[in-house]
C-alpha atoms as a PDB file:
ATOM      1  CA  MET A   1      11.216  21.013 -31.817  1.00  0.00           C
ATOM      2  CA  ASP A   2       8.005  20.631 -33.954  1.00  0.00           C
ATOM      3  CA  TYR A   3       5.129  20.481 -31.333  1.00  0.00           C
ATOM      4  CA  THR A   4       2.653  18.408 -33.386  1.00  0.00           C
ATOM      5  CA  ILE A   5       0.368  15.658 -32.522  1.00  0.00           C
ATOM      6  CA  SER A   6       2.326  12.957 -34.333  1.00  0.00           C
ATOM      7  CA  ASN A   7       5.654  14.009 -32.533  1.00  0.00           C
ATOM      8  CA  LEU A   8       3.945  13.928 -29.098  1.00  0.00           C
ATOM      9  CA  ASP A   9       2.285  10.661 -29.829  1.00  0.00           C
ATOM     10  CA  SER A  10       5.636   9.261 -30.946  1.00  0.00           C
ATOM     11  CA  ARG A  11       7.416  10.603 -27.824  1.00  0.00           C
ATOM     12  CA  LEU A  12       4.699   8.940 -25.587  1.00  0.00           C
ATOM     13  CA  LYS A  13       4.853   5.605 -27.317  1.00  0.00           C
ATOM     14  CA  ASN A  14       8.715   5.557 -26.908  1.00  0.00           C
ATOM     15  CA  TYR A  15       8.579   6.522 -23.311  1.00  0.00           C
ATOM     16  CA  LEU A  16       6.069   3.924 -22.537  1.00  0.00           C
ATOM     17  CA  GLU A  17       7.952   1.139 -24.202  1.00  0.00           C
ATOM     18  CA  THR A  18      11.284   2.131 -22.683  1.00  0.00           C
ATOM     19  CA  ASN A  19       9.849   2.522 -19.113  1.00  0.00           C
ATOM     20  CA  ASN A  20       6.980   0.002 -19.048  1.00  0.00           C
ATOM     21  CA  VAL A  21       8.356  -1.968 -16.121  1.00  0.00           C
ATOM     22  CA  GLU A  22       9.019   1.089 -14.058  1.00  0.00           C
ATOM     23  CA  LEU A  23       5.583   2.480 -14.873  1.00  0.00           C
ATOM     24  CA  LEU A  24       3.796  -0.659 -13.794  1.00  0.00           C
ATOM     25  CA  THR A  25       5.808  -0.891 -10.608  1.00  0.00           C
ATOM     26  CA  LYS A  26       4.742   2.624  -9.807  1.00  0.00           C
ATOM     27  CA  THR A  27       1.042   1.718 -10.550  1.00  0.00           C
ATOM     28  CA  LEU A  28       1.176  -1.160  -8.107  1.00  0.00           C
ATOM     29  CA  PHE A  29       3.682  -0.301  -5.291  1.00  0.00           C
ATOM     30  CA  ASN A  30       4.003   3.372  -5.194  1.00  0.00           C
ATOM     31  CA  SER A  31       1.516   3.936  -2.392  1.00  0.00           C
ATOM     32  CA  GLU A  32       2.932   4.789   0.956  1.00  0.00           C
ATOM     33  CA  SER A  33       1.950   1.510   2.727  1.00  0.00           C
ATOM     34  CA  ALA A  34       2.749  -0.944  -0.023  1.00  0.00           C
ATOM     35  CA  LYS A  35       6.251  -1.498   1.437  1.00  0.00           C
ATOM     36  CA  TYR A  36       4.735  -2.848   4.663  1.00  0.00           C
ATOM     37  CA  PHE A  37       2.898  -5.694   2.706  1.00  0.00           C
ATOM     38  CA  THR A  38       4.209  -9.011   1.478  1.00  0.00           C
ATOM     39  CA  ILE A  39       3.567  -8.986  -2.330  1.00  0.00           C
ATOM     40  CA  GLN A  40       1.816 -11.924  -3.871  1.00  0.00           C
ATOM     41  CA  THR A  41       1.972 -11.874  -7.627  1.00  0.00           C
ATOM     42  CA  GLY A  42      -0.132 -13.667 -10.359  1.00  0.00           C
ATOM     43  CA  VAL A  43      -3.326 -12.807  -8.557  1.00  0.00           C
ATOM     44  CA  THR A  44      -5.910 -12.366 -11.303  1.00  0.00           C
ATOM     45  CA  ALA A  45      -8.656 -14.494  -9.669  1.00  0.00           C
ATOM     46  CA  GLU A  46      -9.456 -15.517  -6.115  1.00  0.00           C
ATOM     47  CA  GLN A  47      -6.663 -17.439  -4.631  1.00  0.00           C
ATOM     48  CA  PRO A  48      -5.358 -18.280  -1.223  1.00  0.00           C
ATOM     49  CA  ILE A  49      -2.524 -16.458   0.496  1.00  0.00           C
ATOM     50  CA  VAL A  50       0.703 -18.368   0.089  1.00  0.00           C
ATOM     51  CA  LYS A  51       1.980 -18.618   3.691  1.00  0.00           C
ATOM     52  CA  LEU A  52       3.323 -21.649   5.618  1.00  0.00           C
ATOM     53  CA  ASP A  53       3.916 -21.838   9.430  1.00  0.00           C
ATOM     54  CA  SER A  54       5.731 -24.885  10.718  1.00  0.00           C
ATOM     55  CA  SER A  55       6.284 -26.429  14.172  1.00  0.00           C
ATOM     56  CA  ILE A  56       9.049 -28.802  15.090  1.00  0.00           C
ATOM     57  CA  VAL A  57       8.983 -31.777  17.515  1.00  0.00           C
ATOM     58  CA  LEU A  58      12.413 -33.154  18.307  1.00  0.00           C
ATOM     59  CA  GLY A  59      12.670 -36.895  18.470  1.00  0.00           C
ATOM     60  CA  ASP A  60      15.059 -39.327  20.055  1.00  0.00           C
ATOM     61  CA  GLY A  61      17.759 -40.095  17.533  1.00  0.00           C
ATOM     62  CA  THR A  62      19.027 -43.125  19.306  1.00  0.00           C
ATOM     63  CA  ASP A  63      15.940 -45.099  18.231  1.00  0.00           C
ATOM     64  CA  CYS A  64      15.412 -46.581  14.784  1.00  0.00           C
ATOM     65  CA  GLY A  65      12.310 -46.182  12.710  1.00  0.00           C
ATOM     66  CA  PHE A  66      10.358 -43.126  11.576  1.00  0.00           C
ATOM     67  CA  GLU A  67       7.592 -41.230  13.503  1.00  0.00           C
ATOM     68  CA  ALA A  68       6.116 -38.118  11.771  1.00  0.00           C
ATOM     69  CA  GLN A  69       5.667 -35.229  14.342  1.00  0.00           C
ATOM     70  CA  GLY A  70       5.153 -31.536  14.178  1.00  0.00           C
ATOM     71  CA  SER A  71       2.786 -29.564  11.983  1.00  0.00           C
ATOM     72  CA  ASP A  72       2.776 -27.413   8.822  1.00  0.00           C
ATOM     73  CA  THR A  73      -0.106 -25.002   8.588  1.00  0.00           C
ATOM     74  CA  PHE A  74      -1.231 -23.086   5.440  1.00  0.00           C
ATOM     75  CA  THR A  75      -3.462 -20.231   5.819  1.00  0.00           C
ATOM     76  CA  ASN A  76      -6.871 -20.535   4.347  1.00  0.00           C
ATOM     77  CA  ARG A  77      -7.512 -16.762   3.858  1.00  0.00           C
ATOM     78  CA  MET A  78      -8.152 -15.583   0.365  1.00  0.00           C
ATOM     79  CA  LEU A  79      -6.970 -12.694  -1.927  1.00  0.00           C
ATOM     80  CA  LYS A  80     -10.011 -11.444  -3.992  1.00  0.00           C
ATOM     81  CA  PRO A  81      -8.651  -9.120  -6.584  1.00  0.00           C
ATOM     82  CA  GLU A  82     -10.600  -6.333  -8.196  1.00  0.00           C
ATOM     83  CA  ILE A  83      -9.707  -5.209 -11.662  1.00  0.00           C
ATOM     84  CA  ILE A  84      -9.363  -1.403 -11.282  1.00  0.00           C
ATOM     85  CA  LYS A  85      -8.943   0.910 -14.261  1.00  0.00           C
ATOM     86  CA  VAL A  86      -8.133   4.671 -14.857  1.00  0.00           C
ATOM     87  CA  ASN A  87      -9.376   6.224 -18.114  1.00  0.00           C
ATOM     88  CA  LYS A  88      -8.602   9.883 -18.829  1.00  0.00           C
ATOM     89  CA  GLU A  89      -8.963  12.037 -21.928  1.00  0.00           C
ATOM     90  CA  PHE A  90      -6.757  15.031 -22.814  1.00  0.00           C
ATOM     91  CA  CYS A  91      -7.269  17.838 -25.388  1.00  0.00           C
ATOM     92  CA  PRO A  92      -4.343  17.750 -27.901  1.00  0.00           C
ATOM     93  CA  LYS A  93      -4.231  21.675 -27.873  1.00  0.00           C
ATOM     94  CA  THR A  94      -3.730  21.677 -24.048  1.00  0.00           C
ATOM     95  CA  LEU A  95      -1.165  18.912 -24.142  1.00  0.00           C
ATOM     96  CA  LEU A  96       0.854  20.472 -26.931  1.00  0.00           C
ATOM     97  CA  LYS A  97       0.956  23.898 -25.076  1.00  0.00           C
ATOM     98  CA  THR A  98       2.101  22.255 -21.984  1.00  0.00           C
ATOM     99  CA  TRP A  99       4.716  20.179 -23.739  1.00  0.00           C
ATOM    100  CA  ALA A 100       6.102  23.293 -25.222  1.00  0.00           C
ATOM    101  CA  HIS A 101       6.277  25.101 -22.076  1.00  0.00           C
ATOM    102  CA  SER A 102       7.929  22.003 -20.460  1.00  0.00           C
ATOM    103  CA  ASP A 103      10.546  21.833 -22.981  1.00  0.00           C
ATOM    104  CA  VAL A 104      11.358  25.530 -22.900  1.00  0.00           C
ATOM    105  CA  LYS A 105      11.733  25.359 -19.067  1.00  0.00           C
ATOM    106  CA  MET A 106      13.859  22.315 -19.261  1.00  0.00           C
ATOM    107  CA  ASN A 107      16.186  23.707 -21.852  1.00  0.00           C
ATOM    108  CA  ALA A 108      16.547  26.886 -19.709  1.00  0.00           C
ATOM    109  CA  LEU A 109      17.322  24.980 -16.434  1.00  0.00           C
ATOM    110  CA  GLY A 110      19.094  21.937 -17.873  1.00  0.00           C
ATOM    111  CA  GLN A 111      18.254  18.274 -18.074  1.00  0.00           C
ATOM    112  CA  ALA A 112      19.304  17.436 -14.565  1.00  0.00           C
ATOM    113  CA  GLU A 113      16.808  19.864 -13.036  1.00  0.00           C
ATOM    114  CA  GLU A 114      13.667  19.150 -15.185  1.00  0.00           C
ATOM    115  CA  MET A 115      12.052  16.032 -16.645  1.00  0.00           C
ATOM    116  CA  PRO A 116      10.753  15.695 -20.164  1.00  0.00           C
ATOM    117  CA  PHE A 117       6.987  16.478 -20.478  1.00  0.00           C
ATOM    118  CA  GLU A 118       5.945  12.819 -21.101  1.00  0.00           C
ATOM    119  CA  THR A 119       7.759  11.901 -17.772  1.00  0.00           C
ATOM    120  CA  VAL A 120       6.066  14.631 -16.078  1.00  0.00           C
ATOM    121  CA  LEU A 121       2.619  13.707 -17.378  1.00  0.00           C
ATOM    122  CA  LEU A 122       2.705   9.961 -16.487  1.00  0.00           C
ATOM    123  CA  ASN A 123       4.429  10.500 -13.145  1.00  0.00           C
ATOM    124  CA  SER A 124       1.808  13.124 -12.082  1.00  0.00           C
ATOM    125  CA  ASN A 125      -0.953  10.741 -12.736  1.00  0.00           C
ATOM    126  CA  LEU A 126       0.809   7.716 -11.086  1.00  0.00           C
ATOM    127  CA  GLU A 127       1.502   9.724  -8.000  1.00  0.00           C
ATOM    128  CA  ALA A 128      -2.255  10.739  -7.801  1.00  0.00           C
ATOM    129  CA  LEU A 129      -3.065   7.067  -8.317  1.00  0.00           C
ATOM    130  CA  ALA A 130      -0.610   6.135  -5.490  1.00  0.00           C
ATOM    131  CA  VAL A 131      -2.689   8.314  -3.088  1.00  0.00           C
ATOM    132  CA  GLU A 132      -5.932   6.523  -4.042  1.00  0.00           C
ATOM    133  CA  ASN A 133      -4.333   3.076  -3.669  1.00  0.00           C
ATOM    134  CA  GLU A 134      -3.160   3.964  -0.276  1.00  0.00           C
ATOM    135  CA  LYS A 135      -6.702   4.652   0.878  1.00  0.00           C
ATOM    136  CA  LEU A 136      -7.890   1.528  -0.648  1.00  0.00           C
ATOM    137  CA  ILE A 137      -5.272  -0.608   1.059  1.00  0.00           C
ATOM    138  CA  TRP A 138      -6.433   0.284   4.417  1.00  0.00           C
ATOM    139  CA  GLU A 139     -10.001   1.722   4.258  1.00  0.00           C
ATOM    140  CA  GLY A 140     -11.467   0.491   0.857  1.00  0.00           C
ATOM    141  CA  ASP A 141     -15.057  -0.349   1.320  1.00  0.00           C
ATOM    142  CA  LYS A 142     -17.229  -1.893  -1.435  1.00  0.00           C
ATOM    143  CA  SER A 143     -20.416  -0.892   0.466  1.00  0.00           C
ATOM    144  CA  LYS A 144     -19.535   2.733  -0.210  1.00  0.00           C
ATOM    145  CA  THR A 145     -19.434   4.963  -3.207  1.00  0.00           C
ATOM    146  CA  GLY A 146     -16.680   6.571  -5.164  1.00  0.00           C
ATOM    147  CA  ASN A 147     -13.034   5.664  -5.450  1.00  0.00           C
ATOM    148  CA  ILE A 148     -13.074   3.943  -1.981  1.00  0.00           C
ATOM    149  CA  ALA A 149     -15.577   1.446  -3.179  1.00  0.00           C
ATOM    150  CA  LYS A 150     -13.445  -0.328  -5.751  1.00  0.00           C
ATOM    151  CA  MET A 151     -12.279  -3.020  -3.234  1.00  0.00           C
ATOM    152  CA  ASP A 152     -12.287  -3.750   0.526  1.00  0.00           C
ATOM    153  CA  GLY A 153      -9.253  -2.867   2.515  1.00  0.00           C
ATOM    154  CA  ILE A 154      -7.556  -4.273   5.643  1.00  0.00           C
ATOM    155  CA  ILE A 155      -9.703  -2.371   8.070  1.00  0.00           C
ATOM    156  CA  THR A 156     -12.994  -3.177   6.374  1.00  0.00           C
ATOM    157  CA  ILE A 157     -12.167  -6.853   6.105  1.00  0.00           C
ATOM    158  CA  ALA A 158     -10.898  -7.079   9.783  1.00  0.00           C
ATOM    159  CA  LYS A 159     -14.002  -5.195  11.176  1.00  0.00           C
ATOM    160  CA  ALA A 160     -16.188  -7.833   9.473  1.00  0.00           C
ATOM    161  CA  ASP A 161     -14.122 -10.848  10.541  1.00  0.00           C
ATOM    162  CA  GLU A 162     -15.458 -12.409  13.682  1.00  0.00           C
ATOM    163  CA  SER A 163     -12.053 -13.910  14.532  1.00  0.00           C
ATOM    164  CA  THR A 164     -10.054 -10.670  14.696  1.00  0.00           C
ATOM    165  CA  VAL A 165      -9.422  -9.114  18.244  1.00  0.00           C
ATOM    166  CA  LYS A 166     -11.458  -6.102  18.778  1.00  0.00           C
ATOM    167  CA  GLN A 167     -11.016  -3.604  21.692  1.00  0.00           C
ATOM    168  CA  THR A 168     -13.166  -0.688  22.728  1.00  0.00           C
ATOM    169  CA  LYS A 169     -10.664   2.145  23.595  1.00  0.00           C
ATOM    170  CA  GLU A 170     -10.449   2.973  27.246  1.00  0.00           C
ATOM    171  CA  SER A 171      -9.040   6.315  26.831  1.00  0.00           C
ATOM    172  CA  ASP A 172      -8.980   9.160  24.350  1.00  0.00           C
ATOM    173  CA  GLU A 173      -5.336   9.461  24.880  1.00  0.00           C
ATOM    174  CA  VAL A 174      -3.388   7.714  21.964  1.00  0.00           C
ATOM    175  CA  PHE A 175      -0.593   6.718  24.145  1.00  0.00           C
ATOM    176  CA  ALA A 176      -2.887   5.005  26.522  1.00  0.00           C
ATOM    177  CA  ARG A 177      -4.456   3.200  23.650  1.00  0.00           C
ATOM    178  CA  CYS A 178      -1.180   1.980  22.386  1.00  0.00           C
ATOM    179  CA  GLN A 179      -0.525   0.588  25.846  1.00  0.00           C
ATOM    180  CA  GLN A 180      -3.934  -1.162  25.912  1.00  0.00           C
ATOM    181  CA  ILE A 181      -3.051  -2.715  22.537  1.00  0.00           C
ATOM    182  CA  PHE A 182       0.321  -3.850  23.829  1.00  0.00           C
ATOM    183  CA  LEU A 183      -1.148  -5.653  26.768  1.00  0.00           C
ATOM    184  CA  ALA A 184      -3.739  -7.477  24.569  1.00  0.00           C
ATOM    185  CA  LEU A 185      -1.360  -8.684  21.881  1.00  0.00           C
ATOM    186  CA  ASN A 186      -1.182 -12.313  21.221  1.00  0.00           C
ATOM    187  CA  GLN A 187       1.993 -13.588  22.972  1.00  0.00           C
ATOM    188  CA  ASP A 188       3.245 -15.066  19.809  1.00  0.00           C
ATOM    189  CA  ILE A 189       3.447 -11.612  18.192  1.00  0.00           C
ATOM    190  CA  ALA A 190       3.967  -9.277  21.148  1.00  0.00           C
ATOM    191  CA  ASP A 191       7.458  -8.364  19.978  1.00  0.00           C
ATOM    192  CA  LYS A 192       6.728  -8.373  16.241  1.00  0.00           C
ATOM    193  CA  ALA A 193       3.486  -6.391  15.988  1.00  0.00           C
ATOM    194  CA  VAL A 194       3.243  -2.945  14.366  1.00  0.00           C
ATOM    195  CA  ILE A 195       0.666  -0.488  15.419  1.00  0.00           C
ATOM    196  CA  PHE A 196      -0.774   1.469  12.498  1.00  0.00           C
ATOM    197  CA  MET A 197      -2.756   4.661  12.944  1.00  0.00           C
ATOM    198  CA  SER A 198      -3.827   7.851  11.115  1.00  0.00           C
ATOM    199  CA  LEU A 199      -1.351  10.720  10.811  1.00  0.00           C
ATOM    200  CA  ALA A 200      -3.711  12.712  13.039  1.00  0.00           C
ATOM    201  CA  ASN A 201      -3.404  10.280  15.731  1.00  0.00           C
ATOM    202  CA  PHE A 202       0.276   9.970  15.361  1.00  0.00           C
ATOM    203  CA  ARG A 203       0.633  13.846  15.709  1.00  0.00           C
ATOM    204  CA  LYS A 204      -1.527  13.624  18.868  1.00  0.00           C
ATOM    205  CA  LEU A 205       0.669  10.931  20.227  1.00  0.00           C
ATOM    206  CA  ILE A 206       3.922  13.080  19.652  1.00  0.00           C
ATOM    207  CA  VAL A 207       2.248  15.880  21.643  1.00  0.00           C
ATOM    208  CA  GLU A 208       1.185  13.567  24.375  1.00  0.00           C
ATOM    209  CA  LEU A 209       4.701  12.071  24.856  1.00  0.00           C
ATOM    210  CA  THR A 210       6.228  15.594  24.611  1.00  0.00           C
ATOM    211  CA  ASN A 211       4.011  16.676  27.378  1.00  0.00           C
ATOM    212  CA  LYS A 212       5.238  13.759  29.409  1.00  0.00           C
ATOM    213  CA  ASN A 213       8.869  14.664  28.951  1.00  0.00           C
ATOM    214  CA  MET A 214       9.449  11.367  27.002  1.00  0.00           C
ATOM    215  CA  PHE A 215      11.774  13.153  24.424  1.00  0.00           C
ATOM    216  CA  HIS A 216      14.053  10.188  24.074  1.00  0.00           C
ATOM    217  CA  VAL A 217      11.414   8.675  21.857  1.00  0.00           C
ATOM    218  CA  PHE A 218      12.354  11.073  19.095  1.00  0.00           C
ATOM    219  CA  GLU A 219      16.157  10.522  19.166  1.00  0.00           C
ATOM    220  CA  GLN A 220      15.780   8.689  15.902  1.00  0.00           C
ATOM    221  CA  HIS A 221      12.986  10.759  14.370  1.00  0.00           C
ATOM    222  CA  ASP A 222      13.923  11.788  10.747  1.00  0.00           C
ATOM    223  CA  GLY A 223      10.625  13.368   9.755  1.00  0.00           C
ATOM    224  CA  THR A 224       8.793  10.009   9.323  1.00  0.00           C
ATOM    225  CA  TYR A 225       5.751   9.086  11.041  1.00  0.00           C
ATOM    226  CA  GLU A 226       7.292   6.270  12.964  1.00  0.00           C
ATOM    227  CA  MET A 227       8.632   5.539  16.497  1.00  0.00           C
ATOM    228  CA  THR A 228       8.884   2.647  18.874  1.00  0.00           C
ATOM    229  CA  LEU A 229       6.504   2.356  21.811  1.00  0.00           C
ATOM    230  CA  PRO A 230       8.492   3.283  24.826  1.00  0.00           C
ATOM    231  CA  ALA A 231      10.014   0.324  26.665  1.00  0.00           C
ATOM    232  CA  THR A 232       8.946  -2.212  23.928  1.00  0.00           C
ATOM    233  CA  ASN A 233       9.894  -3.546  20.606  1.00  0.00           C
ATOM    234  CA  VAL A 234       6.683  -2.496  19.056  1.00  0.00           C
ATOM    235  CA  LYS A 235       6.846  -0.178  16.220  1.00  0.00           C
ATOM    236  CA  ILE A 236       4.126   2.686  15.682  1.00  0.00           C
ATOM    237  CA  LYS A 237       3.500   3.885  12.165  1.00  0.00           C
ATOM    238  CA  GLY A 238       1.227   6.774  11.104  1.00  0.00           C
ATOM    239  CA  VAL A 239      -0.101   6.266   7.469  1.00  0.00           C
ATOM    240  CA  SER A 240      -2.254   8.531   5.365  1.00  0.00           C
ATOM    241  CA  GLY A 241      -4.316   5.583   4.068  1.00  0.00           C
ATOM    242  CA  ILE A 242      -5.976   5.520   7.685  1.00  0.00           C
ATOM    243  CA  THR A 243      -8.151   8.569   8.126  1.00  0.00           C
ATOM    244  CA  SER A 244     -10.531   7.347  10.811  1.00  0.00           C
ATOM    245  CA  ASP A 245      -9.836   6.955  14.582  1.00  0.00           C
ATOM    246  CA  ILE A 246      -9.128   3.175  14.370  1.00  0.00           C
ATOM    247  CA  ILE A 247      -5.903   1.860  15.408  1.00  0.00           C
ATOM    248  CA  ILE A 248      -4.737  -1.513  14.024  1.00  0.00           C
ATOM    249  CA  ALA A 249      -1.986  -3.770  15.175  1.00  0.00           C
ATOM    250  CA  THR A 250      -0.479  -6.762  13.429  1.00  0.00           C
ATOM    251  CA  PRO A 251       2.955  -8.091  12.333  1.00  0.00           C
ATOM    252  CA  ILE A 252       3.996  -6.713   9.061  1.00  0.00           C
ATOM    253  CA  GLU A 253       4.486 -10.372   7.602  1.00  0.00           C
ATOM    254  CA  ASN A 254       0.798 -10.852   8.270  1.00  0.00           C
ATOM    255  CA  LEU A 255      -0.269  -8.304   5.698  1.00  0.00           C
ATOM    256  CA  TYR A 256      -0.612  -9.209   2.068  1.00  0.00           C
ATOM    257  CA  LEU A 257      -1.052  -7.285  -1.122  1.00  0.00           C
ATOM    258  CA  GLY A 258      -2.193  -9.315  -4.180  1.00  0.00           C
ATOM    259  CA  VAL A 259      -1.321  -8.030  -7.677  1.00  0.00           C
ATOM    260  CA  ASP A 260      -0.983  -9.563 -11.073  1.00  0.00           C
ATOM    261  CA  ALA A 261       2.510  -8.360 -12.295  1.00  0.00           C
ATOM    262  CA  VAL A 262       3.241 -11.411 -14.365  1.00  0.00           C
ATOM    263  CA  ASN A 263       0.486 -11.569 -16.969  1.00  0.00           C
ATOM    264  CA  ASP A 264      -1.339  -9.030 -19.101  1.00  0.00           C
ATOM    265  CA  THR A 265      -3.882  -7.584 -16.605  1.00  0.00           C
ATOM    266  CA  ASP A 266      -1.580  -4.651 -15.788  1.00  0.00           C
ATOM    267  CA  THR A 267      -1.447  -1.853 -18.302  1.00  0.00           C
ATOM    268  CA  VAL A 268      -0.208   1.634 -18.583  1.00  0.00           C
ATOM    269  CA  ASP A 269      -0.761   3.213 -21.892  1.00  0.00           C
ATOM    270  CA  MET A 270      -1.370   6.599 -23.501  1.00  0.00           C
ATOM    271  CA  TYR A 271      -2.127   7.256 -27.203  1.00  0.00           C
ATOM    272  CA  PHE A 272      -3.679   9.548 -29.677  1.00  0.00           C
ATOM    273  CA  ASP A 273      -7.177   8.303 -30.700  1.00  0.00           C
ATOM    274  CA  LYS A 274      -7.994   9.414 -34.325  1.00  0.00           C
ATOM    275  CA  SER A 275     -11.630   8.564 -34.012  1.00  0.00           C
ATOM    276  CA  ASP A 276     -12.297  11.661 -31.745  1.00  0.00           C
ATOM    277  CA  ARG A 277      -8.906  13.314 -32.130  1.00  0.00           C
ATOM    278  CA  THR A 278      -8.020  13.168 -28.418  1.00  0.00           C
ATOM    279  CA  PHE A 279      -5.196  11.678 -26.325  1.00  0.00           C
ATOM    280  CA  LYS A 280      -6.415   8.870 -24.124  1.00  0.00           C
ATOM    281  CA  MET A 281      -4.813   7.402 -20.866  1.00  0.00           C
ATOM    282  CA  VAL A 282      -5.537   3.727 -19.929  1.00  0.00           C
ATOM    283  CA  ILE A 283      -4.308   2.373 -16.607  1.00  0.00           C
ATOM    284  CA  GLU A 284      -5.526  -1.172 -15.563  1.00  0.00           C
ATOM    285  CA  TYR A 285      -4.433  -3.380 -12.784  1.00  0.00           C
ATOM    286  CA  ALA A 286      -5.526  -6.147 -10.321  1.00  0.00           C
ATOM    287  CA  TYR A 287      -5.583  -5.352  -6.645  1.00  0.00           C
ATOM    288  CA  ALA A 288      -6.372  -7.155  -3.488  1.00  0.00           C
ATOM    289  CA  THR A 289      -5.382  -6.995   0.283  1.00  0.00           C
ATOM    290  CA  ASN A 290      -5.974  -9.363   3.122  1.00  0.00           C
ATOM    291  CA  TYR A 291      -4.015 -10.791   6.135  1.00  0.00           C
ATOM    292  CA  ALA A 292      -2.958 -14.323   6.709  1.00  0.00           C
ATOM    293  CA  TYR A 293      -4.191 -14.950  10.290  1.00  0.00           C
ATOM    294  CA  SER A 294      -7.208 -13.324  11.902  1.00  0.00           C
ATOM    295  CA  GLU A 295      -6.034 -13.897  15.433  1.00  0.00           C
ATOM    296  CA  TYR A 296      -3.019 -11.670  14.729  1.00  0.00           C
ATOM    297  CA  ILE A 297      -5.081  -8.590  13.969  1.00  0.00           C
ATOM    298  CA  LEU A 298      -6.074  -6.319  16.814  1.00  0.00           C
ATOM    299  CA  ILE A 299      -8.397  -3.322  16.236  1.00  0.00           C
ATOM    300  CA  ASN A 300      -8.782  -0.599  18.845  1.00  0.00           C
ATOM    301  CA  GLU A 301     -11.741   2.065  18.244  1.00  0.00           C
END
């Protein structure tokens, strides 16, 4: 293999063209919590959440005529996307050395055990991006600085929303807080709500339940931060995107993640720039979070 700039540039272009959809999918949905959100595509500008709730009134079918009854309610909450970008620059000499090292290792161990350099390079950056997106989804706050300031996340939006249910915790015990949340849930969602918390609080919950000899909770534990609140249908999930002491409860179907995914807003690219003779990486995407109904959001802090 000739480890030259032109060869590496060609390999990168081919990889990007061949795996474009997969790379864009990883950009948008590779964060830990994205799987819990309803995805709304084509969100390049502010637009309402597309969700419809219907009620039915049964009429007397023995009578003639038509009488409209029941209701269909569309949520009026909005997805306000931020266009986020990642720009990185790489020294060709460093990349070429790493490429050579990667190929030698791959040839020694076999294709099944090692990935080509271009795959390793892009995946490494997209995995790091997923960590940042995970934080944005929950704790993004445009009033702060740094990566977390790129957009407002669910917790930031909910805390500022006068219509969400806000509790002051009555105990420092996580299990007691979960019980407090369960008792306060809107009756319409009491059996559908999911309690989201930080990994630190989830580990604390495990210790509390273990000390209470409630080992049956862990019968289905497979290493994930997830369990069912004892004697209920309410799921509890620990997520890395929540780092504060806040615990938030809502049905999963109430959470929305807005992306583009259908137009040209989303980009994953890497190329050699002859103007300054460096490799450049460009990742751009539209991102927004919100929930459909404020009354189905409960915060305990």
